[in-house]
């Protein structure tokens, strides 16, 4: 079993199965709660270029050449990257992969000059809330309120750790851009 990171494009065919499953997951949790188009509108909200250097990036976690997780970020402001679509394929959950993706995205955000992360998650994603809270993200909402009354839950994290001090045992990082895109 060999895991590696690949920085690529949202349009990379390797990403499509992961994005397809994300669409199904969002639709099953939210349906048309946020939009009549459902998750499709959210996933198409930003052009692929928003998740491309120099201001953004798109990451896949590959196992034996297949995407099993991923995430992306785009510019929020001069100092802040906004993380989007941190995701683990349903067949590969409960292995700590989302945390690996999160840490690698933080490392890349630092390399691209960001000092702060901003992100949101939905009120029907308690796993994501747990992931962010357990990895140093501060809730920018009233955590005592019913999440359904807030709907979109914002978080932030200030990045002060040098990227070289972050370690991912058993995971290699590839910074090449895929030629599949």
N, C-alpha and C. Protein backbone atom coordinates (compact mmCIF):
# COMPACT_ATOMS: atom_id res chain seq x y z
N UNK A 1 0.86 -1.18 0.00
CA UNK A 1 0.00 0.00 0.00
C UNK A 1 0.90 1.23 0.00
N UNK A 2 0.78 2.03 -1.02
CA UNK A 2 1.62 3.21 -1.17
C UNK A 2 0.76 4.45 -1.34
N UNK A 3 0.88 5.40 -0.41
CA UNK A 3 0.13 6.66 -0.48
C UNK A 3 1.06 7.78 -0.91
N UNK A 4 0.55 8.68 -1.73
CA UNK A 4 1.31 9.86 -2.13
C UNK A 4 0.36 11.00 -2.41
N UNK A 5 0.89 12.21 -2.34
CA UNK A 5 0.12 13.40 -2.67
C UNK A 5 0.44 13.83 -4.09
N UNK A 6 -0.56 14.33 -4.78
CA UNK A 6 -0.39 14.87 -6.12
C UNK A 6 -1.10 16.20 -6.20
N UNK A 7 -0.36 17.26 -6.49
CA UNK A 7 -0.96 18.57 -6.74
C UNK A 7 -1.30 18.61 -8.22
N UNK A 8 -2.56 18.88 -8.51
CA UNK A 8 -3.04 18.78 -9.87
C UNK A 8 -4.17 19.78 -10.09
N UNK A 9 -5.08 19.48 -10.95
CA UNK A 9 -6.20 20.35 -11.28
C UNK A 9 -7.52 19.66 -10.93
N UNK A 10 -8.52 20.47 -10.65
CA UNK A 10 -9.88 19.96 -10.45
C UNK A 10 -10.32 19.16 -11.68
N UNK A 11 -9.78 19.49 -12.82
CA UNK A 11 -10.16 18.84 -14.08
C UNK A 11 -9.43 17.53 -14.33
N UNK A 12 -8.50 17.15 -13.48
CA UNK A 12 -7.76 15.91 -13.64
C UNK A 12 -8.72 14.72 -13.57
N UNK A 13 -8.71 13.82 -14.55
CA UNK A 13 -9.60 12.65 -14.51
C UNK A 13 -9.44 11.81 -13.24
N UNK A 14 -8.28 11.83 -12.63
CA UNK A 14 -8.09 11.10 -11.38
C UNK A 14 -9.01 11.62 -10.27
N UNK A 15 -9.39 12.89 -10.35
CA UNK A 15 -10.23 13.51 -9.32
C UNK A 15 -11.71 13.20 -9.49
N UNK A 16 -12.12 12.85 -10.70
CA UNK A 16 -13.55 12.75 -10.99
C UNK A 16 -14.31 11.76 -10.11
N UNK A 17 -13.81 10.54 -9.88
CA UNK A 17 -14.56 9.62 -9.01
C UNK A 17 -14.75 10.18 -7.59
N UNK A 18 -13.75 10.86 -7.09
CA UNK A 18 -13.83 11.46 -5.76
C UNK A 18 -14.87 12.58 -5.74
N UNK A 19 -14.85 13.44 -6.75
CA UNK A 19 -15.82 14.54 -6.83
C UNK A 19 -17.24 14.02 -7.06
N UNK A 20 -17.37 12.95 -7.83
CA UNK A 20 -18.69 12.35 -8.04
C UNK A 20 -19.27 11.85 -6.72
N UNK A 21 -18.43 11.20 -5.92
CA UNK A 21 -18.90 10.70 -4.63
C UNK A 21 -19.21 11.84 -3.67
N UNK A 22 -18.42 12.89 -3.72
CA UNK A 22 -18.68 14.07 -2.88
C UNK A 22 -20.05 14.67 -3.22
N UNK A 23 -20.37 14.75 -4.49
CA UNK A 23 -21.67 15.26 -4.93
C UNK A 23 -22.81 14.43 -4.33
N UNK A 24 -22.67 13.12 -4.40
CA UNK A 24 -23.70 12.22 -3.84
C UNK A 24 -23.81 12.41 -2.33
N UNK A 25 -22.69 12.51 -1.66
CA UNK A 25 -22.68 12.69 -0.20
C UNK A 25 -23.36 14.00 0.19
N UNK A 26 -22.99 15.09 -0.45
CA UNK A 26 -23.62 16.38 -0.14
C UNK A 26 -25.12 16.34 -0.41
N UNK A 27 -25.51 15.75 -1.54
CA UNK A 27 -26.94 15.68 -1.86
C UNK A 27 -27.69 14.81 -0.86
N UNK A 28 -27.07 13.73 -0.38
CA UNK A 28 -27.75 12.87 0.59
C UNK A 28 -27.90 13.55 1.94
N UNK A 29 -26.98 14.43 2.29
CA UNK A 29 -27.06 15.13 3.58
C UNK A 29 -27.93 16.38 3.53
N UNK A 30 -27.88 17.09 2.40
CA UNK A 30 -28.54 18.40 2.34
C UNK A 30 -29.66 18.49 1.31
N UNK A 31 -29.67 17.62 0.32
CA UNK A 31 -30.69 17.71 -0.72
C UNK A 31 -30.70 19.11 -1.32
N UNK A 32 -31.86 19.74 -1.34
CA UNK A 32 -31.98 21.09 -1.90
C UNK A 32 -32.07 22.15 -0.79
N UNK A 33 -31.55 21.82 0.41
CA UNK A 33 -31.61 22.74 1.54
C UNK A 33 -30.99 24.10 1.20
N UNK A 34 -29.81 24.09 0.59
CA UNK A 34 -29.10 25.34 0.28
C UNK A 34 -29.42 25.88 -1.10
N UNK A 35 -29.84 25.00 -2.01
CA UNK A 35 -30.05 25.43 -3.40
C UNK A 35 -30.97 24.43 -4.10
N UNK A 36 -31.75 24.92 -5.02
CA UNK A 36 -32.63 24.04 -5.80
C UNK A 36 -31.84 23.04 -6.62
N UNK A 37 -30.61 23.42 -6.99
CA UNK A 37 -29.74 22.52 -7.76
C UNK A 37 -29.00 21.54 -6.87
N UNK A 38 -29.09 21.69 -5.58
CA UNK A 38 -28.39 20.80 -4.67
C UNK A 38 -26.89 21.02 -4.70
N UNK A 39 -26.15 19.96 -4.46
CA UNK A 39 -24.69 20.04 -4.34
C UNK A 39 -24.01 20.44 -5.65
N UNK A 40 -24.64 20.17 -6.76
CA UNK A 40 -24.03 20.51 -8.05
C UNK A 40 -23.68 22.00 -8.12
N UNK A 41 -24.59 22.83 -7.59
CA UNK A 41 -24.32 24.27 -7.60
C UNK A 41 -23.09 24.61 -6.75
N UNK A 42 -22.99 24.00 -5.57
CA UNK A 42 -21.83 24.25 -4.70
C UNK A 42 -20.54 23.79 -5.36
N UNK A 43 -20.53 22.61 -5.94
CA UNK A 43 -19.31 22.08 -6.54
C UNK A 43 -18.89 22.84 -7.80
N UNK A 44 -19.82 23.54 -8.42
CA UNK A 44 -19.50 24.33 -9.61
C UNK A 44 -19.45 25.83 -9.34
N UNK A 45 -19.44 26.19 -8.08
CA UNK A 45 -19.49 27.60 -7.67
C UNK A 45 -18.25 28.39 -8.10
N UNK A 46 -17.11 27.73 -8.16
CA UNK A 46 -15.85 28.41 -8.47
C UNK A 46 -15.23 27.78 -9.71
N UNK A 47 -14.59 28.59 -10.54
CA UNK A 47 -13.92 28.03 -11.72
C UNK A 47 -12.69 27.22 -11.28
N UNK A 48 -12.29 26.23 -12.07
CA UNK A 48 -11.10 25.45 -11.72
C UNK A 48 -9.87 26.32 -11.46
N UNK A 49 -9.78 27.45 -12.14
CA UNK A 49 -8.61 28.32 -11.95
C UNK A 49 -8.52 28.87 -10.53
N UNK A 50 -9.62 28.92 -9.79
CA UNK A 50 -9.58 29.40 -8.40
C UNK A 50 -8.72 28.49 -7.53
N UNK A 51 -8.60 27.21 -7.93
CA UNK A 51 -7.84 26.23 -7.16
C UNK A 51 -6.51 25.91 -7.83
N UNK A 52 -5.95 26.91 -8.49
CA UNK A 52 -4.67 26.75 -9.18
C UNK A 52 -3.68 27.77 -8.66
N UNK A 53 -2.37 27.42 -8.68
CA UNK A 53 -1.35 28.39 -8.30
C UNK A 53 -1.43 29.62 -9.20
N UNK A 54 -1.03 30.78 -8.74
CA UNK A 54 -0.29 31.00 -7.50
C UNK A 54 -1.17 31.21 -6.27
N UNK A 55 -2.47 31.34 -6.43
CA UNK A 55 -3.32 31.68 -5.28
C UNK A 55 -4.03 30.49 -4.65
N UNK A 56 -4.13 29.40 -5.37
CA UNK A 56 -4.82 28.24 -4.85
C UNK A 56 -4.09 26.97 -5.21
N UNK A 57 -4.70 25.83 -4.85
CA UNK A 57 -4.12 24.55 -5.21
C UNK A 57 -5.16 23.46 -5.02
N UNK A 58 -4.95 22.36 -5.71
CA UNK A 58 -5.85 21.21 -5.64
C UNK A 58 -5.00 19.97 -5.40
N UNK A 59 -5.35 19.22 -4.36
CA UNK A 59 -4.55 18.10 -3.89
C UNK A 59 -5.34 16.80 -3.95
N UNK A 60 -4.70 15.76 -4.43
CA UNK A 60 -5.25 14.42 -4.34
C UNK A 60 -4.33 13.57 -3.48
N UNK A 61 -4.92 12.74 -2.65
CA UNK A 61 -4.18 11.71 -1.92
C UNK A 61 -4.41 10.43 -2.71
N UNK A 62 -3.32 9.89 -3.23
CA UNK A 62 -3.40 8.69 -4.06
C UNK A 62 -2.92 7.47 -3.29
N UNK A 63 -3.60 6.37 -3.50
CA UNK A 63 -3.14 5.08 -3.00
C UNK A 63 -3.07 4.15 -4.20
N UNK A 64 -1.88 3.68 -4.45
CA UNK A 64 -1.66 2.80 -5.60
C UNK A 64 -2.24 3.40 -6.88
N UNK A 65 -2.06 4.72 -7.03
CA UNK A 65 -2.46 5.42 -8.25
C UNK A 65 -3.91 5.86 -8.33
N UNK A 66 -4.72 5.57 -7.30
CA UNK A 66 -6.13 5.98 -7.31
C UNK A 66 -6.40 6.99 -6.21
N UNK A 67 -7.23 7.97 -6.52
CA UNK A 67 -7.57 9.02 -5.54
C UNK A 67 -8.44 8.43 -4.44
N UNK A 68 -7.99 8.60 -3.20
CA UNK A 68 -8.77 8.14 -2.05
C UNK A 68 -9.13 9.30 -1.11
N UNK A 69 -8.57 10.45 -1.41
CA UNK A 69 -8.87 11.64 -0.61
C UNK A 69 -8.37 12.86 -1.36
N UNK A 70 -8.75 14.01 -0.83
CA UNK A 70 -8.29 15.23 -1.48
C UNK A 70 -8.83 16.46 -0.80
N UNK A 71 -8.47 17.58 -1.37
CA UNK A 71 -8.91 18.86 -0.87
C UNK A 71 -8.32 19.96 -1.73
N UNK A 72 -8.75 21.17 -1.46
CA UNK A 72 -8.31 22.29 -2.27
C UNK A 72 -8.31 23.55 -1.43
N UNK A 73 -7.65 24.58 -1.96
CA UNK A 73 -7.80 25.90 -1.36
C UNK A 73 -7.73 26.94 -2.44
N UNK A 74 -8.30 28.09 -2.10
CA UNK A 74 -8.30 29.24 -2.98
C UNK A 74 -7.98 30.46 -2.13
N UNK A 75 -7.68 31.55 -2.77
CA UNK A 75 -7.38 32.79 -2.06
C UNK A 75 -8.66 33.34 -1.43
N UNK A 76 -8.58 33.67 -0.15
CA UNK A 76 -9.68 34.33 0.54
C UNK A 76 -9.35 35.81 0.68
N UNK A 77 -8.13 36.11 1.11
CA UNK A 77 -7.58 37.47 1.10
C UNK A 77 -6.07 37.33 1.04
N UNK A 78 -5.32 38.43 1.13
CA UNK A 78 -3.87 38.38 0.96
C UNK A 78 -3.18 37.41 1.90
N UNK A 79 -3.68 37.24 3.11
CA UNK A 79 -3.04 36.39 4.12
C UNK A 79 -3.75 35.06 4.33
N UNK A 80 -4.92 34.89 3.74
CA UNK A 80 -5.80 33.77 4.09
C UNK A 80 -6.13 32.89 2.89
N UNK A 81 -5.93 31.59 3.08
CA UNK A 81 -6.39 30.60 2.12
C UNK A 81 -7.71 30.03 2.62
N UNK A 82 -8.64 29.81 1.72
CA UNK A 82 -9.91 29.18 2.09
C UNK A 82 -9.89 27.74 1.62
N UNK A 83 -9.98 26.81 2.58
CA UNK A 83 -10.00 25.39 2.25
C UNK A 83 -11.39 24.99 1.80
N UNK A 84 -11.42 24.13 0.80
CA UNK A 84 -12.67 23.63 0.24
C UNK A 84 -12.52 22.13 -0.03
N UNK A 85 -13.60 21.40 0.07
CA UNK A 85 -13.71 20.03 -0.39
C UNK A 85 -12.69 19.06 0.18
N UNK A 86 -12.36 19.21 1.47
CA UNK A 86 -11.52 18.22 2.13
C UNK A 86 -12.37 16.95 2.24
N UNK A 87 -11.88 15.87 1.64
CA UNK A 87 -12.75 14.73 1.44
C UNK A 87 -11.96 13.43 1.43
N UNK A 88 -12.55 12.37 2.00
CA UNK A 88 -12.01 11.02 1.93
C UNK A 88 -13.08 10.11 1.31
N UNK A 89 -12.68 9.30 0.37
CA UNK A 89 -13.59 8.36 -0.26
C UNK A 89 -14.19 7.45 0.81
N UNK A 90 -15.46 7.13 0.68
CA UNK A 90 -16.17 6.37 1.71
C UNK A 90 -15.55 5.00 1.99
N UNK A 91 -14.90 4.41 1.03
CA UNK A 91 -14.27 3.10 1.23
C UNK A 91 -12.97 3.19 2.02
N UNK A 92 -12.51 4.40 2.31
CA UNK A 92 -11.21 4.58 2.96
C UNK A 92 -11.29 5.43 4.22
N UNK A 93 -12.43 5.50 4.82
CA UNK A 93 -12.59 6.34 6.02
C UNK A 93 -12.08 5.63 7.26
N UNK A 94 -11.92 6.41 8.31
CA UNK A 94 -11.48 5.93 9.63
C UNK A 94 -10.02 5.46 9.61
N UNK A 95 -9.22 6.06 8.71
CA UNK A 95 -7.79 5.73 8.63
C UNK A 95 -6.92 6.97 8.89
N UNK A 96 -7.54 8.08 9.24
CA UNK A 96 -6.78 9.31 9.48
C UNK A 96 -6.38 10.03 8.21
N UNK A 97 -6.98 9.67 7.09
CA UNK A 97 -6.60 10.26 5.81
C UNK A 97 -7.01 11.72 5.68
N UNK A 98 -8.18 12.09 6.20
CA UNK A 98 -8.61 13.49 6.13
C UNK A 98 -7.63 14.38 6.88
N UNK A 99 -7.13 13.90 7.99
CA UNK A 99 -6.13 14.66 8.75
C UNK A 99 -4.85 14.82 7.93
N UNK A 100 -4.42 13.76 7.25
CA UNK A 100 -3.23 13.85 6.40
C UNK A 100 -3.43 14.90 5.31
N UNK A 101 -4.61 14.88 4.68
CA UNK A 101 -4.91 15.85 3.63
C UNK A 101 -4.91 17.26 4.22
N UNK A 102 -5.54 17.43 5.36
CA UNK A 102 -5.62 18.73 6.01
C UNK A 102 -4.23 19.28 6.31
N UNK A 103 -3.37 18.45 6.87
CA UNK A 103 -2.00 18.89 7.21
C UNK A 103 -1.21 19.23 5.96
N UNK A 104 -1.35 18.42 4.92
CA UNK A 104 -0.62 18.72 3.68
C UNK A 104 -1.12 20.00 3.05
N UNK A 105 -2.43 20.25 3.07
CA UNK A 105 -2.95 21.51 2.54
C UNK A 105 -2.42 22.69 3.35
N UNK A 106 -2.32 22.55 4.66
CA UNK A 106 -1.75 23.61 5.49
C UNK A 106 -0.31 23.87 5.09
N UNK A 107 0.46 22.81 4.89
CA UNK A 107 1.87 22.95 4.50
C UNK A 107 1.98 23.70 3.17
N UNK A 108 1.11 23.34 2.22
CA UNK A 108 1.14 24.00 0.91
C UNK A 108 0.70 25.45 1.01
N UNK A 109 -0.29 25.72 1.84
CA UNK A 109 -0.73 27.11 2.03
C UNK A 109 0.42 27.96 2.57
N UNK A 110 1.19 27.40 3.50
CA UNK A 110 2.36 28.11 4.03
C UNK A 110 3.36 28.35 2.90
N UNK A 111 3.63 27.32 2.10
CA UNK A 111 4.58 27.45 0.98
C UNK A 111 4.13 28.52 -0.01
N UNK A 112 2.82 28.71 -0.12
CA UNK A 112 2.30 29.71 -1.06
C UNK A 112 2.08 31.06 -0.40
N UNK A 113 2.57 31.22 0.83
CA UNK A 113 2.59 32.53 1.47
C UNK A 113 1.44 32.87 2.38
N UNK A 114 0.55 31.93 2.66
CA UNK A 114 -0.58 32.21 3.54
C UNK A 114 -0.21 31.98 5.01
N UNK A 115 -0.81 32.76 5.89
CA UNK A 115 -0.58 32.61 7.33
C UNK A 115 -1.86 32.24 8.08
N UNK A 116 -2.98 32.20 7.38
CA UNK A 116 -4.26 31.90 8.02
C UNK A 116 -5.10 31.03 7.09
N UNK A 117 -5.87 30.13 7.70
CA UNK A 117 -6.82 29.31 6.96
C UNK A 117 -8.22 29.69 7.42
N UNK A 118 -9.11 29.80 6.47
CA UNK A 118 -10.53 29.99 6.73
C UNK A 118 -11.24 28.85 6.01
N UNK A 119 -12.27 28.32 6.62
CA UNK A 119 -13.07 27.29 5.95
C UNK A 119 -14.45 27.26 6.56
N UNK A 120 -15.37 26.66 5.84
CA UNK A 120 -16.71 26.44 6.36
C UNK A 120 -17.07 24.98 6.12
N UNK A 121 -17.96 24.50 6.94
CA UNK A 121 -18.54 23.18 6.74
C UNK A 121 -20.03 23.29 7.04
N UNK A 122 -20.76 22.32 6.61
CA UNK A 122 -22.20 22.35 6.82
C UNK A 122 -22.60 21.78 8.17
N UNK A 123 -23.78 22.14 8.61
CA UNK A 123 -24.28 21.74 9.91
C UNK A 123 -24.58 20.25 10.00
N UNK A 124 -24.66 19.56 8.89
CA UNK A 124 -24.93 18.12 8.89
C UNK A 124 -23.65 17.31 8.64
N UNK A 125 -22.51 17.89 8.99
CA UNK A 125 -21.24 17.21 8.82
C UNK A 125 -20.46 17.21 10.14
N UNK A 126 -20.97 16.50 11.16
CA UNK A 126 -20.29 16.50 12.45
C UNK A 126 -18.88 15.92 12.39
N UNK A 127 -18.62 15.03 11.43
CA UNK A 127 -17.27 14.48 11.29
C UNK A 127 -16.28 15.58 10.91
N UNK A 128 -16.70 16.46 10.03
CA UNK A 128 -15.83 17.57 9.62
C UNK A 128 -15.60 18.53 10.78
N UNK A 129 -16.66 18.82 11.52
CA UNK A 129 -16.51 19.70 12.69
C UNK A 129 -15.50 19.09 13.65
N UNK A 130 -15.60 17.80 13.90
CA UNK A 130 -14.65 17.12 14.79
C UNK A 130 -13.23 17.17 14.25
N UNK A 131 -13.07 16.96 12.96
CA UNK A 131 -11.75 17.02 12.33
C UNK A 131 -11.11 18.39 12.54
N UNK A 132 -11.86 19.44 12.25
CA UNK A 132 -11.28 20.78 12.35
C UNK A 132 -10.99 21.16 13.80
N UNK A 133 -11.91 20.88 14.69
CA UNK A 133 -11.70 21.23 16.09
C UNK A 133 -10.52 20.47 16.69
N UNK A 134 -10.35 19.21 16.32
CA UNK A 134 -9.25 18.41 16.88
C UNK A 134 -7.91 18.73 16.24
N UNK A 135 -7.91 19.57 15.21
CA UNK A 135 -6.65 19.94 14.54
C UNK A 135 -6.35 21.43 14.65
N UNK A 136 -6.85 22.06 15.71
CA UNK A 136 -6.46 23.43 16.03
C UNK A 136 -7.26 24.52 15.37
N UNK A 137 -8.38 24.20 14.77
CA UNK A 137 -9.22 25.22 14.15
C UNK A 137 -10.17 25.79 15.19
N UNK A 138 -10.33 27.10 15.16
CA UNK A 138 -11.23 27.79 16.08
C UNK A 138 -12.57 28.03 15.39
N UNK A 139 -13.63 27.69 16.10
CA UNK A 139 -14.97 27.94 15.58
C UNK A 139 -15.26 29.43 15.60
N UNK A 140 -15.77 29.95 14.50
CA UNK A 140 -16.14 31.37 14.40
C UNK A 140 -17.66 31.50 14.50
N UNK A 141 -18.26 30.66 15.34
CA UNK A 141 -19.69 30.67 15.55
C UNK A 141 -19.93 30.24 16.99
N UNK A 142 -21.12 30.43 17.45
CA UNK A 142 -21.51 30.05 18.81
C UNK A 142 -21.63 28.53 18.87
N UNK A 143 -20.67 27.89 19.52
CA UNK A 143 -20.66 26.43 19.58
C UNK A 143 -21.74 25.87 20.50
N UNK A 144 -22.39 26.73 21.27
CA UNK A 144 -23.48 26.25 22.14
C UNK A 144 -24.83 26.30 21.43
N UNK A 145 -24.88 26.95 20.28
CA UNK A 145 -26.13 27.05 19.51
C UNK A 145 -26.36 25.76 18.72
N UNK A 146 -27.58 25.51 18.36
CA UNK A 146 -27.93 24.39 17.50
C UNK A 146 -27.32 24.65 16.12
N UNK A 147 -26.42 23.78 15.64
CA UNK A 147 -25.76 24.01 14.34
C UNK A 147 -26.75 24.24 13.20
N UNK A 148 -27.92 23.63 13.27
CA UNK A 148 -28.90 23.79 12.19
C UNK A 148 -29.41 25.22 12.09
N UNK A 149 -29.35 25.97 13.20
CA UNK A 149 -29.78 27.37 13.15
C UNK A 149 -28.70 28.25 12.53
N UNK A 150 -27.46 27.76 12.50
CA UNK A 150 -26.35 28.52 11.92
C UNK A 150 -26.15 28.13 10.45
N UNK A 151 -26.36 26.88 10.14
CA UNK A 151 -26.30 26.30 8.79
C UNK A 151 -24.89 26.13 8.26
N UNK A 152 -24.16 27.21 8.03
CA UNK A 152 -22.79 27.14 7.54
C UNK A 152 -21.86 27.51 8.68
N UNK A 153 -20.98 26.57 9.04
CA UNK A 153 -20.15 26.72 10.23
C UNK A 153 -18.73 27.14 9.84
N UNK A 154 -18.34 28.38 10.13
CA UNK A 154 -17.00 28.85 9.77
C UNK A 154 -15.94 28.54 10.85
N UNK A 155 -14.73 28.28 10.38
CA UNK A 155 -13.58 28.02 11.23
C UNK A 155 -12.38 28.79 10.70
N UNK A 156 -11.40 29.00 11.59
CA UNK A 156 -10.13 29.59 11.16
C UNK A 156 -8.99 28.95 11.93
N UNK A 157 -7.81 29.06 11.35
CA UNK A 157 -6.58 28.61 12.01
C UNK A 157 -5.45 29.49 11.52
N UNK A 158 -4.68 29.99 12.48
CA UNK A 158 -3.48 30.76 12.15
C UNK A 158 -2.33 29.78 12.02
N UNK A 159 -1.57 29.90 10.96
CA UNK A 159 -0.46 28.99 10.68
C UNK A 159 0.84 29.62 11.16
N UNK A 160 1.43 29.02 12.17
CA UNK A 160 2.69 29.55 12.68
C UNK A 160 3.79 28.50 12.66
N UNK A 161 3.48 27.29 12.23
CA UNK A 161 4.44 26.20 12.21
C UNK A 161 5.15 26.18 10.87
N UNK A 162 6.47 26.09 10.90
CA UNK A 162 7.24 25.99 9.66
C UNK A 162 6.89 24.67 8.98
N UNK A 163 6.74 24.68 7.65
CA UNK A 163 6.32 23.46 6.96
C UNK A 163 7.26 22.29 7.18
N UNK A 164 8.55 22.53 7.38
CA UNK A 164 9.50 21.43 7.55
C UNK A 164 9.30 20.69 8.86
N UNK A 165 8.62 21.29 9.82
CA UNK A 165 8.43 20.62 11.11
C UNK A 165 7.17 19.75 11.12
N UNK A 166 6.37 19.81 10.06
CA UNK A 166 5.20 18.95 9.97
C UNK A 166 5.61 17.66 9.29
N UNK A 167 5.23 16.54 9.86
CA UNK A 167 5.65 15.26 9.33
C UNK A 167 4.46 14.34 9.10
N UNK A 168 4.51 13.62 8.01
CA UNK A 168 3.48 12.63 7.71
C UNK A 168 4.17 11.29 7.49
N UNK A 169 4.22 10.49 8.51
CA UNK A 169 4.86 9.19 8.39
C UNK A 169 4.11 8.33 7.38
N UNK A 170 4.86 7.72 6.47
CA UNK A 170 4.25 6.81 5.52
C UNK A 170 3.60 7.48 4.32
N UNK A 171 3.73 8.78 4.18
CA UNK A 171 3.12 9.48 3.06
C UNK A 171 4.19 10.31 2.37
N UNK A 172 4.25 10.20 1.07
CA UNK A 172 5.18 11.02 0.32
C UNK A 172 4.43 12.14 -0.35
N UNK A 173 5.12 13.21 -0.67
CA UNK A 173 4.49 14.36 -1.28
C UNK A 173 5.05 14.57 -2.67
N UNK A 174 4.17 14.68 -3.63
CA UNK A 174 4.55 14.96 -5.00
C UNK A 174 3.99 16.32 -5.37
N UNK A 175 4.85 17.20 -5.81
CA UNK A 175 4.41 18.55 -6.12
C UNK A 175 4.26 18.78 -7.62
N UNK A 176 4.41 17.74 -8.37
CA UNK A 176 4.27 17.86 -9.82
C UNK A 176 2.80 18.03 -10.18
N UNK A 177 2.55 18.74 -11.23
CA UNK A 177 1.18 18.89 -11.73
C UNK A 177 0.93 17.76 -12.72
N UNK A 178 -0.19 17.11 -12.58
CA UNK A 178 -0.55 16.01 -13.45
C UNK A 178 -0.73 16.48 -14.88
N UNK A 179 -0.38 15.63 -15.79
CA UNK A 179 -0.58 15.94 -17.21
C UNK A 179 -1.92 15.43 -17.71
N UNK A 180 -2.75 14.89 -16.80
CA UNK A 180 -4.08 14.40 -17.17
C UNK A 180 -5.06 15.55 -17.34
N UNK A 181 -4.75 16.69 -16.76
CA UNK A 181 -5.72 17.81 -16.73
C UNK A 181 -5.82 18.47 -18.07
